[in-house]
Amino acid sequence: MEEVESYKHILTLLENKASVKQQIFKTTSAVFNQFKQVLNEICLDMQADFAGKSQLVEISYSDRGDFEVQLKFSGDVLILSMHSNVFCFPPEHEVNKLKYVQEDPYRQYCGIIHIHNFLADSLKYNRGSDVGNLIGRIFINKEEHFFVDGQSQLGFLFNSFHKGKLQKEQIRKILELAIIYCMDFDLLTPPFENVRFISLEEKQYMGSTSGYPTSKQLGYKFKAELENKVN
């Protein structure tokens, strides 16, 4: 009898949790395609509006498949990537305290779209040790409700998880803020003592990849991670 009940529980989990996760994956994929479309539109706008100002600034869009897209603008690259898995939040997270989620616990399950900033030269010269910076994460549930965890204005403008579906104008705003953040955050020279000594192996690597391992150094935790503020 106990074995029968266990098997019934497996079927229930497949019917509920597993099917919800598949639904969220499809929903997140559809939203990611919207991000791709809007990012391409931004690229075309930037190319058209900047065409007569400088021939030195390269602006290009690159679709890298189902899970990644890139926008290159001058020395920066904005990379959007969709995670293939579905996540839920720790019990103490503010998301689980929302009436919206308490009415249906499956609403807390989300797909994730990451927004990273890399230096264009990191990709151009294949500098494998260079580090990119995570600017933001977009969480999307089965109903296309969303919130954003991120840097600067991305950390507080889009945190009303219960209010409604992600709209195209919000996608454009998220992407524009991410691009602005990339350009506002400059590459800083490291302290002399930090780069004073290098090994021969490192020097040989530098010779083959055109330069020192480089990144825009950040020491932060996202606002939402520090405060768990989602409403």
C-alpha atoms as a PDB file:
ATOM      1  CA  MET A   1       0.000   0.000   0.000  1.00  0.00           C
ATOM      2  CA  GLU A   2       2.848   2.337   0.875  1.00  0.00           C
ATOM      3  CA  GLU A   3       4.487   1.616  -2.490  1.00  0.00           C
ATOM      4  CA  VAL A   4       1.264   2.518  -4.285  1.00  0.00           C
ATOM      5  CA  GLU A   5       1.046   5.835  -2.419  1.00  0.00           C
ATOM      6  CA  SER A   6       4.681   6.634  -3.243  1.00  0.00           C
ATOM      7  CA  TYR A   7       4.069   5.956  -6.917  1.00  0.00           C
ATOM      8  CA  LYS A   8       0.939   8.136  -6.871  1.00  0.00           C
ATOM      9  CA  HIS A   9       3.042  10.898  -5.332  1.00  0.00           C
ATOM     10  CA  ILE A  10       5.539  10.587  -8.191  1.00  0.00           C
ATOM     11  CA  LEU A  11       2.723  10.956 -10.712  1.00  0.00           C
ATOM     12  CA  THR A  12       1.393  13.994  -8.849  1.00  0.00           C
ATOM     13  CA  LEU A  13       4.816  15.644  -8.899  1.00  0.00           C
ATOM     14  CA  LEU A  14       5.129  14.960 -12.619  1.00  0.00           C
ATOM     15  CA  GLU A  15       1.686  16.407 -13.251  1.00  0.00           C
ATOM     16  CA  ASN A  16       2.282  19.507 -11.151  1.00  0.00           C
ATOM     17  CA  LYS A  17       5.884  20.514 -10.534  1.00  0.00           C
ATOM     18  CA  ALA A  18       7.505  18.936 -13.611  1.00  0.00           C
ATOM     19  CA  SER A  19       4.892  20.276 -16.016  1.00  0.00           C
ATOM     20  CA  VAL A  20       5.099  23.743 -14.448  1.00  0.00           C
ATOM     21  CA  LYS A  21       8.871  23.768 -14.925  1.00  0.00           C
ATOM     22  CA  GLN A  22       8.477  22.860 -18.580  1.00  0.00           C
ATOM     23  CA  GLN A  23       5.928  25.643 -18.954  1.00  0.00           C
ATOM     24  CA  ILE A  24       8.331  28.118 -17.326  1.00  0.00           C
ATOM     25  CA  PHE A  25      11.137  27.066 -19.666  1.00  0.00           C
ATOM     26  CA  LYS A  26       8.926  27.734 -22.691  1.00  0.00           C
ATOM     27  CA  THR A  27       7.756  31.046 -21.250  1.00  0.00           C
ATOM     28  CA  THR A  28      11.312  32.159 -20.459  1.00  0.00           C
ATOM     29  CA  SER A  29      12.429  31.150 -23.946  1.00  0.00           C
ATOM     30  CA  ALA A  30       9.642  33.244 -25.475  1.00  0.00           C
ATOM     31  CA  VAL A  31      10.595  36.234 -23.305  1.00  0.00           C
ATOM     32  CA  PHE A  32      14.267  35.776 -24.216  1.00  0.00           C
ATOM     33  CA  ASN A  33      13.307  35.970 -27.884  1.00  0.00           C
ATOM     34  CA  GLN A  34      11.593  39.275 -27.115  1.00  0.00           C
ATOM     35  CA  PHE A  35      14.812  40.510 -25.517  1.00  0.00           C
ATOM     36  CA  LYS A  36      16.687  39.460 -28.660  1.00  0.00           C
ATOM     37  CA  GLN A  37      14.264  41.347 -30.870  1.00  0.00           C
ATOM     38  CA  VAL A  38      14.421  44.525 -28.792  1.00  0.00           C
ATOM     39  CA  LEU A  39      18.220  44.355 -28.510  1.00  0.00           C
ATOM     40  CA  ASN A  40      18.446  44.121 -32.288  1.00  0.00           C
ATOM     41  CA  GLU A  41      16.117  47.119 -32.600  1.00  0.00           C
ATOM     42  CA  ILE A  42      18.333  49.103 -30.222  1.00  0.00           C
ATOM     43  CA  CYS A  43      21.383  48.117 -32.280  1.00  0.00           C
ATOM     44  CA  LEU A  44      19.756  49.304 -35.507  1.00  0.00           C
ATOM     45  CA  ASP A  45      18.708  52.580 -33.855  1.00  0.00           C
ATOM     46  CA  MET A  46      22.213  53.161 -32.511  1.00  0.00           C
ATOM     47  CA  GLN A  47      23.774  52.384 -35.898  1.00  0.00           C
ATOM     48  CA  ALA A  48      21.426  54.772 -37.697  1.00  0.00           C
ATOM     49  CA  ASP A  49      21.679  57.617 -35.182  1.00  0.00           C
ATOM     50  CA  PHE A  50      25.466  57.358 -34.787  1.00  0.00           C
ATOM     51  CA  ALA A  51      26.350  56.756 -38.440  1.00  0.00           C
ATOM     52  CA  GLY A  52      27.320  60.351 -39.216  1.00  0.00           C
ATOM     53  CA  LYS A  53      29.216  61.005 -35.988  1.00  0.00           C
ATOM     54  CA  SER A  54      32.163  58.603 -36.017  1.00  0.00           C
ATOM     55  CA  GLN A  55      33.412  55.722 -38.123  1.00  0.00           C
ATOM     56  CA  LEU A  56      35.610  54.513 -35.283  1.00  0.00           C
ATOM     57  CA  VAL A  57      32.836  53.245 -33.022  1.00  0.00           C
ATOM     58  CA  GLU A  58      31.692  49.752 -33.960  1.00  0.00           C
ATOM     59  CA  ILE A  59      28.109  48.790 -33.103  1.00  0.00           C
ATOM     60  CA  SER A  60      26.980  45.273 -33.952  1.00  0.00           C
ATOM     61  CA  TYR A  61      24.417  42.641 -32.971  1.00  0.00           C
ATOM     62  CA  SER A  62      25.142  38.912 -32.847  1.00  0.00           C
ATOM     63  CA  ASP A  63      22.598  36.142 -32.257  1.00  0.00           C
ATOM     64  CA  ARG A  64      24.504  33.204 -30.763  1.00  0.00           C
ATOM     65  CA  GLY A  65      21.664  30.677 -30.774  1.00  0.00           C
ATOM     66  CA  ASP A  66      18.822  29.748 -28.464  1.00  0.00           C
ATOM     67  CA  PHE A  67      20.584  30.776 -25.265  1.00  0.00           C
ATOM     68  CA  GLU A  68      22.790  33.784 -26.020  1.00  0.00           C
ATOM     69  CA  VAL A  69      22.828  37.110 -27.810  1.00  0.00           C
ATOM     70  CA  GLN A  70      25.454  39.882 -27.892  1.00  0.00           C
ATOM     71  CA  LEU A  71      25.532  43.615 -28.528  1.00  0.00           C
ATOM     72  CA  LYS A  72      28.953  45.147 -29.167  1.00  0.00           C
ATOM     73  CA  PHE A  73      29.337  48.899 -28.770  1.00  0.00           C
ATOM     74  CA  SER A  74      32.823  50.340 -28.911  1.00  0.00           C
ATOM     75  CA  GLY A  75      34.984  48.601 -26.292  1.00  0.00           C
ATOM     76  CA  ASP A  76      32.145  46.830 -24.508  1.00  0.00           C
ATOM     77  CA  VAL A  77      29.983  43.802 -25.179  1.00  0.00           C
ATOM     78  CA  LEU A  78      26.615  43.234 -23.547  1.00  0.00           C
ATOM     79  CA  ILE A  79      25.842  39.516 -23.372  1.00  0.00           C
ATOM     80  CA  LEU A  80      22.384  38.184 -22.584  1.00  0.00           C
ATOM     81  CA  SER A  81      22.148  34.510 -21.766  1.00  0.00           C
ATOM     82  CA  MET A  82      19.182  32.387 -20.821  1.00  0.00           C
ATOM     83  CA  HIS A  83      19.718  29.613 -18.286  1.00  0.00           C
ATOM     84  CA  SER A  84      18.294  26.259 -19.356  1.00  0.00           C
ATOM     85  CA  ASN A  85      17.096  25.376 -15.834  1.00  0.00           C
ATOM     86  CA  VAL A  86      14.290  26.602 -13.594  1.00  0.00           C
ATOM     87  CA  PHE A  87      14.923  27.886 -10.071  1.00  0.00           C
ATOM     88  CA  CYS A  88      13.000  28.588  -6.872  1.00  0.00           C
ATOM     89  CA  PHE A  89      13.892  30.873  -3.971  1.00  0.00           C
ATOM     90  CA  PRO A  90      15.072  30.056  -0.428  1.00  0.00           C
ATOM     91  CA  PRO A  91      12.197  29.871   2.096  1.00  0.00           C
ATOM     92  CA  GLU A  92      13.271  33.135   3.759  1.00  0.00           C
ATOM     93  CA  HIS A  93      13.309  35.124   0.500  1.00  0.00           C
ATOM     94  CA  GLU A  94      10.862  38.037   0.211  1.00  0.00           C
ATOM     95  CA  VAL A  95       9.295  36.452  -2.879  1.00  0.00           C
ATOM     96  CA  ASN A  96       7.812  33.706  -0.718  1.00  0.00           C
ATOM     97  CA  LYS A  97       6.198  36.271   1.572  1.00  0.00           C
ATOM     98  CA  LEU A  98       4.147  37.829  -1.209  1.00  0.00           C
ATOM     99  CA  LYS A  99       0.418  37.131  -1.197  1.00  0.00           C
ATOM    100  CA  TYR A 100       0.739  36.587  -4.946  1.00  0.00           C
ATOM    101  CA  VAL A 101       3.074  33.623  -4.324  1.00  0.00           C
ATOM    102  CA  GLN A 102       1.316  32.303  -1.244  1.00  0.00           C
ATOM    103  CA  GLU A 103      -1.878  31.950  -3.297  1.00  0.00           C
ATOM    104  CA  ASP A 104       0.014  29.663  -5.689  1.00  0.00           C
ATOM    105  CA  PRO A 105       3.470  28.467  -4.527  1.00  0.00           C
ATOM    106  CA  TYR A 106       4.364  27.451  -8.085  1.00  0.00           C
ATOM    107  CA  ARG A 107       4.484  31.152  -8.947  1.00  0.00           C
ATOM    108  CA  GLN A 108       7.858  31.375  -7.196  1.00  0.00           C
ATOM    109  CA  TYR A 109       9.507  29.091  -9.777  1.00  0.00           C
ATOM    110  CA  CYS A 110      11.397  31.171 -12.337  1.00  0.00           C
ATOM    111  CA  GLY A 111      13.568  31.008 -15.385  1.00  0.00           C
ATOM    112  CA  ILE A 112      16.549  33.373 -15.458  1.00  0.00           C
ATOM    113  CA  ILE A 113      18.049  35.657 -18.090  1.00  0.00           C
ATOM    114  CA  HIS A 114      21.523  36.951 -17.187  1.00  0.00           C
ATOM    115  CA  ILE A 115      23.001  40.234 -18.403  1.00  0.00           C
ATOM    116  CA  HIS A 116      26.811  40.329 -18.446  1.00  0.00           C
ATOM    117  CA  ASN A 117      29.309  42.978 -19.507  1.00  0.00           C
ATOM    118  CA  PHE A 118      32.594  41.871 -21.084  1.00  0.00           C
ATOM    119  CA  LEU A 119      35.355  43.886 -22.672  1.00  0.00           C
ATOM    120  CA  ALA A 120      35.219  43.576 -26.452  1.00  0.00           C
ATOM    121  CA  ASP A 121      38.935  42.753 -26.557  1.00  0.00           C
ATOM    122  CA  SER A 122      38.373  39.834 -24.162  1.00  0.00           C
ATOM    123  CA  LEU A 123      36.320  38.157 -26.882  1.00  0.00           C
ATOM    124  CA  LYS A 124      38.324  39.462 -29.828  1.00  0.00           C
ATOM    125  CA  TYR A 125      41.631  38.100 -28.519  1.00  0.00           C
ATOM    126  CA  ASN A 126      40.102  35.096 -26.749  1.00  0.00           C
ATOM    127  CA  ARG A 127      41.561  36.076 -23.373  1.00  0.00           C
ATOM    128  CA  GLY A 128      40.185  33.164 -21.409  1.00  0.00           C
ATOM    129  CA  SER A 129      41.211  34.489 -18.003  1.00  0.00           C
ATOM    130  CA  ASP A 130      39.385  37.818 -18.417  1.00  0.00           C
ATOM    131  CA  VAL A 131      36.381  38.254 -16.164  1.00  0.00           C
ATOM    132  CA  GLY A 132      32.984  39.634 -17.121  1.00  0.00           C
ATOM    133  CA  ASN A 133      30.611  41.383 -14.750  1.00  0.00           C
ATOM    134  CA  LEU A 134      27.040  40.397 -14.013  1.00  0.00           C
ATOM    135  CA  ILE A 135      24.909  43.514 -14.368  1.00  0.00           C
ATOM    136  CA  GLY A 136      21.491  42.009 -13.805  1.00  0.00           C
ATOM    137  CA  ARG A 137      19.276  38.946 -13.639  1.00  0.00           C
ATOM    138  CA  ILE A 138      15.697  38.839 -14.906  1.00  0.00           C
ATOM    139  CA  PHE A 139      13.471  36.292 -13.165  1.00  0.00           C
ATOM    140  CA  ILE A 140      10.354  35.158 -15.093  1.00  0.00           C
ATOM    141  CA  ASN A 141       7.637  32.848 -13.792  1.00  0.00           C
ATOM    142  CA  LYS A 142       4.958  30.786 -15.542  1.00  0.00           C
ATOM    143  CA  GLU A 143       2.644  33.817 -15.873  1.00  0.00           C
ATOM    144  CA  GLU A 144       5.382  36.048 -17.340  1.00  0.00           C
ATOM    145  CA  HIS A 145       5.506  38.019 -14.111  1.00  0.00           C
ATOM    146  CA  PHE A 146       9.042  39.209 -13.483  1.00  0.00           C
ATOM    147  CA  PHE A 147      11.471  41.112 -11.358  1.00  0.00           C
ATOM    148  CA  VAL A 148      15.061  42.246 -11.885  1.00  0.00           C
ATOM    149  CA  ASP A 149      17.974  41.854  -9.491  1.00  0.00           C
ATOM    150  CA  GLY A 150      20.841  44.069 -10.529  1.00  0.00           C
ATOM    151  CA  GLN A 151      23.134  47.041 -10.409  1.00  0.00           C
ATOM    152  CA  SER A 152      22.198  50.707 -10.262  1.00  0.00           C
ATOM    153  CA  GLN A 153      18.587  51.413 -11.316  1.00  0.00           C
ATOM    154  CA  LEU A 154      18.121  47.788 -12.321  1.00  0.00           C
ATOM    155  CA  GLY A 155      18.206  46.978  -8.608  1.00  0.00           C
ATOM    156  CA  PHE A 156      15.045  48.876  -7.710  1.00  0.00           C
ATOM    157  CA  LEU A 157      12.988  49.902 -10.750  1.00  0.00           C
ATOM    158  CA  PHE A 158      11.695  46.432 -11.624  1.00  0.00           C
ATOM    159  CA  ASN A 159      10.975  44.617  -8.365  1.00  0.00           C
ATOM    160  CA  SER A 160       7.158  44.416  -8.263  1.00  0.00           C
ATOM    161  CA  PHE A 161       6.815  40.703  -8.926  1.00  0.00           C
ATOM    162  CA  HIS A 162       3.048  40.574  -8.481  1.00  0.00           C
ATOM    163  CA  LYS A 163       2.010  43.477 -10.711  1.00  0.00           C
ATOM    164  CA  GLY A 164       1.920  41.991 -14.182  1.00  0.00           C
ATOM    165  CA  LYS A 165       3.562  40.581 -17.271  1.00  0.00           C
ATOM    166  CA  LEU A 166       6.785  41.872 -18.743  1.00  0.00           C
ATOM    167  CA  GLN A 167       6.022  44.426 -21.478  1.00  0.00           C
ATOM    168  CA  LYS A 168       8.116  45.432 -24.487  1.00  0.00           C
ATOM    169  CA  GLU A 169       8.711  48.959 -23.195  1.00  0.00           C
ATOM    170  CA  GLN A 170      10.059  47.497 -19.947  1.00  0.00           C
ATOM    171  CA  ILE A 171      12.403  45.213 -21.890  1.00  0.00           C
ATOM    172  CA  ARG A 172      13.740  48.240 -23.798  1.00  0.00           C
ATOM    173  CA  LYS A 173      14.229  50.169 -20.562  1.00  0.00           C
ATOM    174  CA  ILE A 174      16.090  47.257 -18.923  1.00  0.00           C
ATOM    175  CA  LEU A 175      18.437  46.934 -21.904  1.00  0.00           C
ATOM    176  CA  GLU A 176      19.066  50.669 -22.188  1.00  0.00           C
ATOM    177  CA  LEU A 177      19.929  50.905 -18.483  1.00  0.00           C
ATOM    178  CA  ALA A 178      22.296  47.944 -18.855  1.00  0.00           C
ATOM    179  CA  ILE A 179      24.068  49.607 -21.797  1.00  0.00           C
ATOM    180  CA  ILE A 180      24.383  52.886 -19.870  1.00  0.00           C
ATOM    181  CA  TYR A 181      25.832  51.010 -16.892  1.00  0.00           C
ATOM    182  CA  CYS A 182      28.445  49.360 -19.116  1.00  0.00           C
ATOM    183  CA  MET A 183      29.580  52.713 -20.524  1.00  0.00           C
ATOM    184  CA  ASP A 184      29.529  54.518 -17.181  1.00  0.00           C
ATOM    185  CA  PHE A 185      31.709  51.889 -15.516  1.00  0.00           C
ATOM    186  CA  ASP A 186      35.232  52.490 -16.813  1.00  0.00           C
ATOM    187  CA  LEU A 187      38.226  50.193 -16.903  1.00  0.00           C
ATOM    188  CA  LEU A 188      40.507  51.129 -14.005  1.00  0.00           C
ATOM    189  CA  THR A 189      44.242  50.526 -13.939  1.00  0.00           C
ATOM    190  CA  PRO A 190      45.238  48.056 -11.195  1.00  0.00           C
ATOM    191  CA  PRO A 191      47.627  49.092  -8.391  1.00  0.00           C
ATOM    192  CA  PHE A 192      51.290  48.712  -9.386  1.00  0.00           C
ATOM    193  CA  GLU A 193      51.967  46.144  -6.648  1.00  0.00           C
ATOM    194  CA  ASN A 194      49.161  43.930  -7.946  1.00  0.00           C
ATOM    195  CA  VAL A 195      50.838  43.494 -11.328  1.00  0.00           C
ATOM    196  CA  ARG A 196      54.472  43.819 -10.304  1.00  0.00           C
ATOM    197  CA  PHE A 197      55.345  40.129 -10.660  1.00  0.00           C
ATOM    198  CA  ILE A 198      54.318  37.705 -13.389  1.00  0.00           C
ATOM    199  CA  SER A 199      55.375  34.160 -14.166  1.00  0.00           C
ATOM    200  CA  LEU A 200      56.910  33.147 -17.482  1.00  0.00           C
ATOM    201  CA  GLU A 201      53.768  31.147 -18.203  1.00  0.00           C
ATOM    202  CA  GLU A 202      51.668  34.278 -17.711  1.00  0.00           C
ATOM    203  CA  LYS A 203      53.988  36.284 -19.979  1.00  0.00           C
ATOM    204  CA  GLN A 204      53.755  33.644 -22.696  1.00  0.00           C
ATOM    205  CA  TYR A 205      49.979  33.655 -22.357  1.00  0.00           C
ATOM    206  CA  MET A 206      49.950  37.441 -22.689  1.00  0.00           C
ATOM    207  CA  GLY A 207      51.979  37.219 -25.871  1.00  0.00           C
ATOM    208  CA  SER A 208      49.477  34.850 -27.435  1.00  0.00           C
ATOM    209  CA  THR A 209      46.374  36.786 -26.385  1.00  0.00           C
ATOM    210  CA  SER A 210      47.483  40.402 -26.871  1.00  0.00           C
ATOM    211  CA  GLY A 211      47.702  41.742 -23.379  1.00  0.00           C
ATOM    212  CA  TYR A 212      47.326  41.306 -19.644  1.00  0.00           C
ATOM    213  CA  PRO A 213      44.301  39.468 -18.283  1.00  0.00           C
ATOM    214  CA  THR A 214      41.811  42.297 -17.891  1.00  0.00           C
ATOM    215  CA  SER A 215      38.394  42.980 -16.414  1.00  0.00           C
ATOM    216  CA  LYS A 216      36.283  45.738 -14.931  1.00  0.00           C
ATOM    217  CA  GLN A 217      36.787  44.853 -11.291  1.00  0.00           C
ATOM    218  CA  LEU A 218      33.723  44.985  -9.069  1.00  0.00           C
ATOM    219  CA  GLY A 219      33.285  44.015  -5.449  1.00  0.00           C
ATOM    220  CA  TYR A 220      29.571  43.985  -4.855  1.00  0.00           C
ATOM    221  CA  LYS A 221      26.501  42.045  -4.005  1.00  0.00           C
ATOM    222  CA  PHE A 222      23.303  42.931  -5.745  1.00  0.00           C
ATOM    223  CA  LYS A 223      20.893  45.172  -3.892  1.00  0.00           C
ATOM    224  CA  ALA A 224      18.228  42.473  -3.839  1.00  0.00           C
ATOM    225  CA  GLU A 225      20.713  39.942  -2.450  1.00  0.00           C
ATOM    226  CA  LEU A 226      21.677  42.313   0.329  1.00  0.00           C
ATOM    227  CA  GLU A 227      18.146  43.325   1.260  1.00  0.00           C
ATOM    228  CA  ASN A 228      15.927  40.603  -0.288  1.00  0.00           C
ATOM    229  CA  LYS A 229      13.580  43.433  -1.277  1.00  0.00           C
ATOM    230  CA  VAL A 230      10.999  42.238  -3.782  1.00  0.00           C
ATOM    231  CA  ASN A 231       7.445  43.525  -3.564  1.00  0.00           C
END
